[in-house]
Amino acid sequence: MKILILKPSSLGDVIQALPVLRLLKQRHPLAQVYWWIDSALAPLLQNDPDLAGVVPFERKRWAKPRHWPEMFRSIRWLREQHFDLVIDLQCLARSGAFAWLANGESLIGLDEVREGARGFYDVAVPRRTYHTHAVDWYLAVLPRLGVPVHQNFVWLPEHAPTAAALRARWPDDGSQWIALQPGARWLNKRWPAEHFAALVRALAADLPDVRFAILGGQDDRELGATIALAAPGQCVNLCGATTLPEMIEWLRRCDLMVTNDTGPMHAAAALHKPVIGLFGPTEPRRTGPYGQLENCLRLDLPCAPCMKSECHYVNPEECLRGLSPALVRTRVLAFFQR
């Protein structure tokens, strides 16, 4: 049996979709499963024990006509695989089109009206309610395929070489670690860097043996530097310095994460790490850290959650600026005092 899963982006969405892969492989251990993913995120799934292969989607490159022959070759390769089952978990027009062009025996996808992708599917699976969590929506595909849904799986298996390299560079000295994620794709999803710095300054005094791993991409380096200055001896600024597999292994090492609503938050939740999620314009019931929505903090404002990438409130970005470092500090200390 050959299966193709389409979930090209974003990082958090791909991580939230992984339970579909895990449970499919449990039900069909001999199946060859391939994943169609944005090439920038492909390292996340390379060497995954449940995948026969990763099919890169060159979204930016293929937007230029001169690279269309590459795209056509990729489509031809997909068709040559003669997939028994194609699952589109992205439910956008382009993913629906690629799923249909793969020409599998059966095509199932999510019933999302945004771009009409459901017109490509043999079976479309609706979101049960507006507030149904993304993970539960993805998992709703499985009963249609006769696959039981449960929680008995390893969401993000350890990548042994990466974990060993991390331990060699930062030997375990018995310290407890708090991961911090100050960046986010939307600027209005970012808790202010000065709030993160104030939190670190207070916690460094409260918990002198705790260290802070500041995670993020190249664009977050300045945020990381600002935060690290609050307690230089206890902070490691990893912004722009880790690969995706290294970021996962850092989170596996940490005891707790304080984070904006962004991809690494979902990685921490998948690793069953306690997550304090800082929410403003987005709805945690839909996309919060799976299994621990009680740890999400947000202000009760008339405009929140607005689900918009730009703030139009009378007090700009008050939904996050109004979350005080003192409140977050109380939540962190409650965890360490258990």
Protein backbone atom coordinates (compact mmCIF):
# COMPACT_ATOMS: atom_id res chain seq x y z
CA MET A 1 0.00 0.00 0.00
CA LYS A 2 1.33 3.44 -0.94
CA ILE A 3 0.07 6.63 0.71
CA LEU A 4 0.77 10.29 0.00
CA ILE A 5 0.15 12.96 2.66
CA LEU A 6 0.09 16.60 1.59
CA LYS A 7 0.83 19.09 4.35
CA PRO A 8 3.52 21.45 3.07
CA SER A 9 3.43 24.17 5.73
CA SER A 10 3.66 25.81 8.17
CA LEU A 11 5.96 24.32 10.84
CA GLY A 12 3.25 24.19 13.49
CA ASP A 13 0.70 22.77 11.06
CA VAL A 14 3.06 20.01 9.94
CA ILE A 15 3.78 19.04 13.53
CA GLN A 16 0.07 19.01 14.37
CA ALA A 17 -0.56 16.71 11.40
CA LEU A 18 2.06 14.12 12.38
CA PRO A 19 -0.37 12.02 14.49
CA VAL A 20 -2.13 11.11 11.23
CA LEU A 21 1.12 9.59 9.97
CA ARG A 22 1.83 7.78 13.25
CA LEU A 23 -1.59 6.15 13.45
CA LEU A 24 -1.66 5.24 9.75
CA LYS A 25 1.63 3.39 10.17
CA GLN A 26 0.38 1.61 13.26
CA ARG A 27 -2.65 0.39 11.32
CA HIS A 28 -0.71 -0.37 8.12
CA PRO A 29 2.89 -1.09 9.19
CA LEU A 30 3.95 -2.25 5.72
CA ALA A 31 2.58 0.83 3.96
CA GLN A 32 4.97 3.14 2.13
CA VAL A 33 4.05 6.66 3.19
CA TYR A 34 5.37 9.79 1.47
CA TRP A 35 4.95 13.39 2.64
CA TRP A 36 4.68 16.42 0.32
CA ILE A 37 6.25 19.34 2.20
CA ASP A 38 7.73 22.77 1.63
CA SER A 39 11.43 22.28 0.95
CA ALA A 40 12.33 24.71 3.76
CA LEU A 41 10.66 22.37 6.27
CA ALA A 42 11.88 19.09 4.74
CA PRO A 43 14.67 18.61 7.34
CA LEU A 44 11.96 18.18 9.97
CA LEU A 45 10.83 14.93 8.33
CA GLN A 46 14.04 13.58 6.85
CA ASN A 47 15.00 10.25 8.44
CA ASP A 48 11.54 9.96 10.01
CA PRO A 49 11.07 6.26 10.84
CA ASP A 50 7.50 6.18 9.51
CA LEU A 51 8.20 7.73 6.11
CA ALA A 52 9.38 6.05 2.93
CA GLY A 53 10.27 9.44 1.50
CA VAL A 54 9.82 13.20 1.49
CA VAL A 55 8.56 14.98 -1.64
CA PRO A 56 9.78 18.60 -1.61
CA PHE A 57 7.42 21.36 -2.70
CA GLU A 58 9.51 24.26 -4.03
CA ARG A 59 6.86 26.90 -3.47
CA LYS A 60 8.99 30.00 -4.07
CA ARG A 61 11.08 28.49 -6.84
CA TRP A 62 8.13 27.12 -8.80
CA ALA A 63 6.38 30.49 -8.73
CA LYS A 64 8.75 31.48 -11.57
CA PRO A 65 7.83 30.11 -15.02
CA ARG A 66 11.41 29.15 -15.85
CA HIS A 67 11.26 26.53 -13.09
CA TRP A 68 7.95 25.02 -14.15
CA PRO A 69 9.66 22.05 -15.86
CA GLU A 70 10.86 21.00 -12.38
CA MET A 71 7.30 21.18 -11.10
CA PHE A 72 6.00 19.09 -14.00
CA ARG A 73 8.69 16.47 -13.36
CA SER A 74 7.63 16.31 -9.72
CA ILE A 75 3.99 15.82 -10.73
CA ARG A 76 4.97 13.12 -13.20
CA TRP A 77 6.93 11.34 -10.46
CA LEU A 78 3.91 11.47 -8.16
CA ARG A 79 1.71 9.93 -10.83
CA GLU A 80 4.24 7.18 -11.49
CA GLN A 81 3.99 6.05 -7.85
CA HIS A 82 0.38 4.85 -8.31
CA PHE A 83 -0.65 5.84 -4.80
CA ASP A 84 -3.51 3.86 -3.28
CA LEU A 85 -4.46 6.76 -1.03
CA VAL A 86 -3.82 10.51 -1.15
CA ILE A 87 -4.58 12.67 1.93
CA ASP A 88 -4.63 16.45 1.63
CA LEU A 89 -4.39 18.07 5.06
CA GLN A 90 -3.62 21.56 3.70
CA CYS A 91 -6.98 22.10 1.97
CA LEU A 92 -5.84 24.97 -0.24
CA ALA A 93 -6.32 25.23 -3.99
CA ARG A 94 -2.71 24.35 -4.83
CA SER A 95 -2.52 21.38 -2.47
CA GLY A 96 -5.88 20.13 -3.72
CA ALA A 97 -4.66 20.45 -7.30
CA PHE A 98 -1.41 18.60 -6.59
CA ALA A 99 -3.35 15.92 -4.71
CA TRP A 100 -5.68 15.46 -7.67
CA LEU A 101 -2.82 15.47 -10.17
CA ALA A 102 -1.10 12.70 -8.18
CA ASN A 103 -3.91 10.52 -9.54
CA GLY A 104 -4.22 8.16 -6.57
CA GLU A 105 -6.92 5.55 -6.27
CA SER A 106 -8.66 7.53 -3.53
CA LEU A 107 -8.36 11.17 -2.44
CA ILE A 108 -9.52 12.45 0.94
CA GLY A 109 -9.13 15.98 2.29
CA LEU A 110 -10.46 18.55 4.71
CA ASP A 111 -13.71 20.36 4.01
CA GLU A 112 -12.51 23.97 4.00
CA VAL A 113 -14.34 26.56 1.90
CA ARG A 114 -11.52 29.12 1.63
CA GLU A 115 -10.25 28.15 -1.83
CA GLY A 116 -12.57 25.40 -3.00
CA ALA A 117 -10.04 22.57 -2.59
CA ARG A 118 -12.79 20.17 -1.54
CA GLY A 119 -13.90 20.08 -5.20
CA PHE A 120 -10.86 17.89 -5.90
CA TYR A 121 -11.67 15.27 -3.23
CA ASP A 122 -13.55 11.99 -3.24
CA VAL A 123 -14.22 12.49 0.47
CA ALA A 124 -14.17 15.83 2.35
CA VAL A 125 -14.01 15.85 6.16
CA PRO A 126 -15.61 18.88 7.86
CA ARG A 127 -14.35 20.60 11.00
CA ARG A 128 -16.81 19.53 13.68
CA THR A 129 -17.15 23.02 15.16
CA TYR A 130 -15.41 26.36 14.71
CA HIS A 131 -13.41 25.75 17.90
CA THR A 132 -12.37 22.17 17.08
CA HIS A 133 -8.62 21.94 17.53
CA ALA A 134 -6.55 21.54 14.37
CA VAL A 135 -5.08 18.23 15.60
CA ASP A 136 -8.55 16.78 16.16
CA TRP A 137 -9.66 17.96 12.73
CA TYR A 138 -6.72 16.24 11.05
CA LEU A 139 -7.35 13.09 13.06
CA ALA A 140 -11.00 13.09 11.93
CA VAL A 141 -9.74 11.85 8.55
CA LEU A 142 -8.68 8.52 10.05
CA PRO A 143 -12.06 7.01 11.03
CA ARG A 144 -13.13 7.51 7.39
CA LEU A 145 -10.21 5.20 6.52
CA GLY A 146 -10.93 2.60 9.19
CA VAL A 147 -7.98 3.71 11.33
CA PRO A 148 -8.55 3.93 15.13
CA VAL A 149 -7.69 7.22 16.83
CA HIS A 150 -5.82 7.10 20.15
CA GLN A 151 -2.83 8.70 21.87
CA ASN A 152 -0.53 5.68 22.06
CA PHE A 153 2.25 6.88 19.74
CA VAL A 154 5.50 8.82 19.83
CA TRP A 155 4.73 12.16 18.20
CA LEU A 156 8.34 13.32 17.62
CA PRO A 157 10.85 10.45 17.90
CA GLU A 158 14.35 11.39 19.02
CA HIS A 159 16.92 11.98 16.30
CA ALA A 160 19.84 10.24 17.98
CA PRO A 161 22.78 11.90 16.10
CA THR A 162 21.36 15.39 16.69
CA ALA A 163 20.66 14.66 20.36
CA ALA A 164 24.20 13.30 20.84
CA ALA A 165 25.74 16.39 19.21
CA LEU A 166 23.68 18.65 21.47
CA ARG A 167 24.81 16.78 24.60
CA ALA A 168 28.44 16.96 23.45
CA ARG A 169 28.27 20.73 23.00
CA TRP A 170 26.17 21.43 26.11
CA PRO A 171 26.86 18.61 28.60
CA ASP A 172 24.16 17.92 31.14
CA ASP A 173 25.24 19.68 34.33
CA GLY A 174 21.99 19.04 36.16
CA SER A 175 20.49 22.43 35.30
CA GLN A 176 16.83 22.81 34.51
CA TRP A 177 16.05 24.65 31.29
CA ILE A 178 13.26 26.99 30.26
CA ALA A 179 12.78 27.46 26.52
CA LEU A 180 11.73 30.93 25.35
CA GLN A 181 10.27 31.66 21.91
CA PRO A 182 10.07 35.45 21.39
CA GLY A 183 9.40 35.45 17.65
CA ALA A 184 6.31 34.77 15.56
CA ARG A 185 5.38 35.24 11.90
CA TRP A 186 2.76 37.89 12.71
CA LEU A 187 4.26 40.85 14.53
CA ASN A 188 1.07 41.20 16.58
CA LYS A 189 1.52 37.65 17.93
CA ARG A 190 4.76 38.65 19.66
CA TRP A 191 4.81 39.28 23.39
CA PRO A 192 7.15 42.30 23.69
CA ALA A 193 10.85 41.46 23.97
CA GLU A 194 11.09 43.78 26.98
CA HIS A 195 8.43 41.65 28.70
CA PHE A 196 10.48 38.51 28.01
CA ALA A 197 13.56 40.30 29.40
CA ALA A 198 11.70 41.34 32.55
CA LEU A 199 10.48 37.78 32.99
CA VAL A 200 14.02 36.39 32.65
CA ARG A 201 15.41 38.98 35.06
CA ALA A 202 12.86 38.03 37.71
CA LEU A 203 13.14 34.27 37.21
CA ALA A 204 16.94 34.38 37.26
CA ALA A 205 16.68 35.77 40.79
CA ASP A 206 13.91 33.35 41.80
CA LEU A 207 15.55 30.27 40.27
CA PRO A 208 19.33 30.80 40.15
CA ASP A 209 19.97 27.23 38.95
CA VAL A 210 17.61 27.49 35.97
CA ARG A 211 18.95 28.32 32.51
CA PHE A 212 17.16 29.80 29.50
CA ALA A 213 17.36 28.56 25.90
CA ILE A 214 16.17 31.35 23.60
CA LEU A 215 14.92 29.85 20.35
CA GLY A 216 14.11 31.44 17.02
CA GLY A 217 15.22 32.03 13.46
CA GLN A 218 17.70 34.44 11.92
CA ASP A 219 15.15 37.24 12.07
CA ASP A 220 14.84 36.79 15.84
CA ARG A 221 18.52 37.27 16.67
CA GLU A 222 18.03 40.83 17.92
CA LEU A 223 15.09 39.75 20.07
CA GLY A 224 17.23 36.96 21.51
CA ALA A 225 20.10 39.32 22.26
CA THR A 226 17.80 41.75 24.06
CA ILE A 227 16.43 38.98 26.25
CA ALA A 228 19.81 37.38 26.94
CA LEU A 229 21.14 40.66 28.36
CA ALA A 230 18.66 40.31 31.23
CA ALA A 231 20.67 37.39 32.67
CA PRO A 232 23.78 36.77 30.54
CA GLY A 233 25.13 33.99 32.74
CA GLN A 234 21.96 31.95 32.52
CA CYS A 235 20.89 32.50 28.90
CA VAL A 236 21.91 30.82 25.65
CA ASN A 237 20.78 32.77 22.59
CA LEU A 238 20.10 30.12 19.94
CA CYS A 239 18.19 32.38 17.53
CA GLY A 240 19.36 31.61 14.02
CA ALA A 241 21.82 29.02 15.32
CA THR A 242 19.84 25.77 15.13
CA THR A 243 18.44 23.53 12.43
CA LEU A 244 14.88 22.26 12.77
CA PRO A 245 16.03 18.88 14.18
CA GLU A 246 18.30 20.71 16.65
CA MET A 247 15.43 22.91 17.77
CA ILE A 248 13.35 19.80 18.45
CA GLU A 249 16.13 18.23 20.51
CA TRP A 250 16.60 21.46 22.49
CA LEU A 251 12.92 21.39 23.39
CA ARG A 252 13.22 17.74 24.39
CA ARG A 253 15.92 18.80 26.84
CA CYS A 254 13.93 21.68 28.34
CA ASP A 255 11.58 21.38 31.32
CA LEU A 256 9.16 24.15 30.36
CA MET A 257 8.47 26.54 27.49
CA VAL A 258 7.20 30.13 27.47
CA THR A 259 6.17 30.98 23.96
CA ASN A 260 4.17 33.02 21.53
CA ASP A 261 1.69 31.28 19.27
CA THR A 262 4.15 29.87 16.74
CA GLY A 263 5.53 26.60 15.37
CA PRO A 264 7.96 25.61 18.13
CA MET A 265 5.08 25.84 20.63
CA HIS A 266 3.47 22.89 18.86
CA ALA A 267 6.75 20.99 18.91
CA ALA A 268 6.96 21.42 22.70
CA ALA A 269 3.35 20.25 23.08
CA ALA A 270 4.10 17.23 20.89
CA LEU A 271 7.00 16.40 23.23
CA HIS A 272 4.57 16.68 26.18
CA LYS A 273 6.53 19.56 27.67
CA PRO A 274 4.59 22.05 29.81
CA VAL A 275 3.86 25.08 27.63
CA ILE A 276 2.84 28.54 28.79
CA GLY A 277 1.31 29.95 25.63
CA LEU A 278 0.94 33.71 25.23
CA PHE A 279 -2.06 34.44 23.01
CA GLY A 280 -3.37 37.66 21.51
CA PRO A 281 -5.07 37.74 18.10
CA THR A 282 -5.45 33.97 17.67
CA GLU A 283 -7.79 31.41 19.23
CA PRO A 284 -6.05 28.83 21.47
CA ARG A 285 -8.99 26.43 21.25
CA ARG A 286 -8.25 26.08 17.53
CA THR A 287 -4.46 26.21 17.50
CA GLY A 288 -3.19 26.24 21.07
CA PRO A 289 -0.72 23.75 22.58
CA TYR A 290 -2.56 20.46 22.17
CA GLY A 291 -3.66 18.81 25.40
CA GLN A 292 -2.84 21.75 27.68
CA LEU A 293 -5.05 24.66 26.72
CA GLU A 294 -5.38 25.48 30.42
CA ASN A 295 -1.81 26.83 30.21
CA CYS A 296 -2.71 29.51 27.64
CA LEU A 297 -2.76 33.11 28.82
CA ARG A 298 -4.72 35.86 27.08
CA LEU A 299 -6.60 39.01 28.01
CA ASP A 300 -10.35 39.25 27.72
CA LEU A 301 -10.65 42.17 25.29
CA PRO A 302 -13.66 42.97 23.08
CA CYS A 303 -11.56 42.49 19.93
CA ALA A 304 -9.75 39.29 20.89
CA PRO A 305 -9.30 36.96 19.24
CA CYS A 306 -9.54 38.98 16.04
CA MET A 307 -7.70 36.36 13.91
CA LYS A 308 -6.02 39.19 11.98
CA SER A 309 -2.33 39.78 11.32
CA GLU A 310 -2.63 43.54 11.90
CA CYS A 311 -3.96 45.22 15.03
CA HIS A 312 -6.67 47.87 14.76
CA TYR A 313 -7.53 48.17 18.46
CA VAL A 314 -7.56 51.62 20.08
CA ASN A 315 -4.57 50.54 22.19
CA PRO A 316 -2.36 48.76 19.63
CA GLU A 317 -1.47 45.17 20.51
CA GLU A 318 -2.92 45.53 23.99
CA CYS A 319 -3.95 41.86 23.90
CA LEU A 320 -0.29 40.90 24.38
CA ARG A 321 1.23 44.05 25.85
CA GLY A 322 -1.32 43.82 28.64
CA LEU A 323 -0.07 40.37 29.70
CA SER A 324 2.31 41.34 32.48
CA PRO A 325 5.64 39.61 33.13
CA ALA A 326 4.50 39.25 36.75
CA LEU A 327 1.54 37.09 35.67
CA VAL A 328 3.73 34.84 33.54
CA ARG A 329 6.32 34.63 36.32
CA THR A 330 3.63 33.37 38.69
CA ARG A 331 2.71 30.59 36.26
CA VAL A 332 6.35 29.56 35.79
CA LEU A 333 7.04 29.49 39.53
CA ALA A 334 3.92 27.40 40.11
CA PHE A 335 5.37 24.75 37.80
CA PHE A 336 8.75 24.64 39.56
CA GLN A 337 7.14 24.57 43.01
CA ARG A 338 5.13 21.41 42.32
